[in-house]
C-alpha atoms as a PDB file:
ATOM      1  CA  ALA A   1     200.291  36.098  33.622  1.00  0.00           C
ATOM      2  CA  ARG A   2     196.812  36.792  34.940  1.00  0.00           C
ATOM      3  CA  ILE A   3     194.651  39.087  37.167  1.00  0.00           C
ATOM      4  CA  ARG A   4     191.605  37.470  39.679  1.00  0.00           C
ATOM      5  CA  HIS A   5     189.377  40.397  41.479  1.00  0.00           C
ATOM      6  CA  LEU A   6     187.495  39.231  44.460  1.00  0.00           C
ATOM      7  CA  GLY A   7     185.088  42.503  44.788  1.00  0.00           C
ATOM      8  CA  SER A   8     182.112  41.051  44.530  1.00  0.00           C
ATOM      9  CA  ALA A   9     179.121  40.483  47.071  1.00  0.00           C
ATOM     10  CA  GLN A  10     177.410  37.105  47.852  1.00  0.00           C
ATOM     11  CA  PRO A  11     174.177  36.865  46.577  1.00  0.00           C
ATOM     12  CA  THR A  12     173.070  37.667  50.118  1.00  0.00           C
ATOM     13  CA  GLY A  13     174.693  41.442  49.174  1.00  0.00           C
ATOM     14  CA  LYS A  14     177.249  41.179  52.326  1.00  0.00           C
ATOM     15  CA  PRO A  15     181.091  41.098  50.948  1.00  0.00           C
ATOM     16  CA  ALA A  16     182.056  37.902  50.136  1.00  0.00           C
ATOM     17  CA  ASP A  17     185.312  36.534  52.395  1.00  0.00           C
ATOM     18  CA  GLY A  18     188.599  37.776  51.123  1.00  0.00           C
ATOM     19  CA  SER A  19     187.158  40.638  48.972  1.00  0.00           C
ATOM     20  CA  GLY A  20     188.267  43.444  47.969  1.00  0.00           C
ATOM     21  CA  TYR A  21     191.366  42.543  46.939  1.00  0.00           C
ATOM     22  CA  VAL A  22     193.280  42.170  43.541  1.00  0.00           C
ATOM     23  CA  HIS A  23     194.910  38.894  43.600  1.00  0.00           C
ATOM     24  CA  ILE A  24     198.139  38.574  40.627  1.00  0.00           C
ATOM     25  CA  GLU A  25     199.846  36.240  39.398  1.00  0.00           C
ATOM     26  CA  SER A  26     203.971  35.833  39.860  1.00  0.00           C
ATOM     27  CA  GLY A  27     203.977  36.503  35.799  1.00  0.00           C
ATOM     28  CA  ILE A  28     202.528  40.110  36.627  1.00  0.00           C
ATOM     29  CA  SER A  29     205.505  42.438  37.184  1.00  0.00           C
ATOM     30  CA  ASP A  30     206.068  44.928  40.056  1.00  0.00           C
ATOM     31  CA  ASP A  31     205.763  48.180  37.801  1.00  0.00           C
ATOM     32  CA  VAL A  32     201.619  46.735  36.867  1.00  0.00           C
ATOM     33  CA  ALA A  33     201.661  45.660  40.635  1.00  0.00           C
ATOM     34  CA  LYS A  34     202.527  49.101  41.832  1.00  0.00           C
ATOM     35  CA  GLU A  35     200.449  51.358  39.189  1.00  0.00           C
ATOM     36  CA  LEU A  36     197.530  48.995  40.423  1.00  0.00           C
ATOM     37  CA  GLU A  37     198.320  50.207  43.902  1.00  0.00           C
ATOM     38  CA  LYS A  38     198.816  53.617  43.095  1.00  0.00           C
ATOM     39  CA  ARG A  39     194.837  53.661  41.526  1.00  0.00           C
ATOM     40  CA  GLY A  40     194.119  52.582  44.488  1.00  0.00           C
ATOM     41  CA  HIS A  41     193.593  48.607  44.654  1.00  0.00           C
ATOM     42  CA  ARG A  42     195.043  46.068  47.486  1.00  0.00           C
ATOM     43  CA  VAL A  43     197.594  43.900  45.388  1.00  0.00           C
ATOM     44  CA  VAL A  44     198.277  40.158  46.829  1.00  0.00           C
ATOM     45  CA  ARG A  45     200.606  38.487  44.907  1.00  0.00           C
ATOM     46  CA  SER A  46     200.175  34.853  44.630  1.00  0.00           C
ATOM     47  CA  VAL A  47     202.480  31.893  43.813  1.00  0.00           C
ATOM     48  CA  GLY A  48     202.272  30.403  40.559  1.00  0.00           C
ATOM     49  CA  GLY A  49     198.840  30.590  38.291  1.00  0.00           C
ATOM     50  CA  PHE A  50     195.249  30.378  38.664  1.00  0.00           C
ATOM     51  CA  GLY A  51     192.231  29.678  36.558  1.00  0.00           C
ATOM     52  CA  GLY A  52     191.981  29.632  32.942  1.00  0.00           C
ATOM     53  CA  TYR A  53     189.646  31.414  29.854  1.00  0.00           C
ATOM     54  CA  GLN A  54     187.927  30.218  27.050  1.00  0.00           C
ATOM     55  CA  GLY A  55     184.952  31.970  25.630  1.00  0.00           C
ATOM     56  CA  ILE A  56     182.949  32.658  22.880  1.00  0.00           C
ATOM     57  CA  LEU A  57     181.404  36.151  21.737  1.00  0.00           C
ATOM     58  CA  ILE A  58     178.432  36.087  19.541  1.00  0.00           C
ATOM     59  CA  ASN A  59     177.512  39.143  17.394  1.00  0.00           C
ATOM     60  CA  HIS A  60     173.823  38.661  16.534  1.00  0.00           C
ATOM     61  CA  ASP A  61     173.752  41.846  14.255  1.00  0.00           C
ATOM     62  CA  ALA A  62     176.721  41.057  12.757  1.00  0.00           C
ATOM     63  CA  GLY A  63     176.132  37.058  12.354  1.00  0.00           C
ATOM     64  CA  VAL A  64     179.776  36.838  13.553  1.00  0.00           C
ATOM     65  CA  LEU A  65     181.402  34.360  16.054  1.00  0.00           C
ATOM     66  CA  HIS A  66     184.796  35.652  18.203  1.00  0.00           C
ATOM     67  CA  GLY A  67     186.535  32.542  19.946  1.00  0.00           C
ATOM     68  CA  ALA A  68     189.064  33.029  22.473  1.00  0.00           C
ATOM     69  CA  THR A  69     191.750  30.961  24.288  1.00  0.00           C
ATOM     70  CA  GLU A  70     194.470  30.827  26.244  1.00  0.00           C
ATOM     71  CA  PRO A  71     197.880  29.061  25.601  1.00  0.00           C
ATOM     72  CA  ARG A  72     197.785  27.407  29.233  1.00  0.00           C
ATOM     73  CA  LYS A  73     194.261  25.634  28.419  1.00  0.00           C
ATOM     74  CA  ASP A  74     193.526  22.575  26.100  1.00  0.00           C
ATOM     75  CA  GLY A  75     190.975  24.076  23.692  1.00  0.00           C
ATOM     76  CA  ALA A  76     191.186  25.976  20.645  1.00  0.00           C
ATOM     77  CA  ALA A  77     189.310  28.933  18.665  1.00  0.00           C
ATOM     78  CA  ILE A  78     187.997  26.969  15.747  1.00  0.00           C
ATOM     79  CA  GLY A  79     185.061  28.196  13.555  1.00  0.00           C
ATOM     80  CA  TYR A  80     182.731  27.143  10.417  1.00  0.00           C
END
């Protein structure tokens, strides 16, 4: 389950259309949605899923790469 926040401004500094809401996938529990609302977020439930994440964090000081992907994507975090 994933959460998407659209609270950012456009490059002009004006609010982006549809911003100010936290969109949550159908897999997010009602308890989590209620807690987000209790903390002041405006929550919108979305049907199905959206987006995906794959990334690499580079720690130059330690010389370490941290890779991550998620089960719904077709990638893999592999190192050598």
